[in-house]
Amino acid sequence: LHTDESGIIYTLSRKSTENIASFLQGKGIEAKAYHAGLPTEEKNKTYADFVADRVQIVVATIAFGMGIDKSNIRFVVHMTLPKTIENFYQEIGRAGRDGVESETLLLYSAADIVQQKMFIEDLPETPYKEHAFNKLDAMVRFANSENCRHQTVAAYFDDRIESCGTKCDNCTAPASEKIDITTAARMMLSAILRTEQNFGLHYIVDVLKGSKEQRLLQNGHDSLSVYGIGDEYTKNQWLTIGDKLLELGAVAIGEFKVYKLTEFGVEVIKGAHTIDLKKERLTVQKAEAKKKVTYFDDYDVEMYDKLRTLRTQIASEKGIPPYIVFSDKTLKDLSSKVPQNKEEMLEVHGIGDVKFERYGEAFLELLNEQ
């Protein structure tokens, strides 16, 4: 498709840049690896050869491309998931700078997400760490989105454009059955408003599902008109609907993963727009979803993510950093041991009587739901 045309292939590790470049060379393609570990002289030569069209493809980490003076790059391929939409947008923007139509391809697997999360886990407990998780979540939603890619990226940057129609994989994909979820979308948006835009997605779903979770009852949200009106959908389906609203830019995520309505979201509530969703996204059975649970370092990643979400919600309500509630190490221990009562929970790293009295019941309720 791009015979003799210039392109960049981005990958995560230095070793993979060399392996892919070697593979392409074996196919008779002029390809070179580029990463921070190479000698400066070799990197400079690769750059010069690429600009002069003596090298067709550069396989690189993100170390390559900043300030590159080459307008005729025809394709950019990501072999792994970028950390953020900002990184992705900047990297694909290196193609087609001469105005000629060019192409981008994103390839990724669930293992990429796990690996990126592991990198973030190693960061110090600072507000940036939570910010990094939020950015990664947005990138994952983009990769899984069924909407126009151009439209989704524009919405992420607070812009609204028409769908491209013929220029992205989603717009050119064979037609699939869609269902109207406008009513459900308005329910969720209304629940976000009625809880004063102070909570995350899981909490909003609990309100819609009529949860008896202690924190929800203490907040008096069982008296809201939207409490318990969401029986038509399962919890997982509501989470999918929430993801769809994020993809469309009807909601935005604030600090501590709090959901807030955008101007477009307000228009949806007022009935100015309809929302459709591919039917298959709502028909994934819970049993099938459980098969996707990934384990590493002897703890349940899916449970750990749920515990992190709860920790963030509690921290937001109390106006404290999340690590004050429980450390990441404590959450990992909880997701590994899954205690079912106070006595078992007190055996978990970092939990004493005071911590349990302050936060234990909410975490126990979540653990007992599994």
Foldseek 3Di string as FASTA:
>chain_A
DQVLAAEEEEEADQVVQVVVQVVVVVVVAQEEEDEPPDDPVVNVVVLVCRQVSVHRYYYYYLVPDVPRDHQAHAEYEYQEQDQAVVSVVVRRVSHNNVVDHHYYYYHYDVVRLVVSLVVLLPDPQDLVSVVSVQRNVLSVLLVVDLAQNVQLSQLVVVHGDDRPQPHDCNNPPPDFDKDWCLVVLLLLLVLCVVLVLQAAQLVSLQQQCQHPQPVCVVVVSNPDPNGNVNPVADSQLSVVSVSQCNSNNQWDADRLRGIDGDPVVVCSNVVNDIDMDGPVSRPDDPVNVVVPFDDDPQFTPVQLVVVSSVLSSVCSVVVHRSVVLPHSQQSRQCRRQLDQDDVSSCVGPPDDPVSCVVPVSNSNVSSVVD
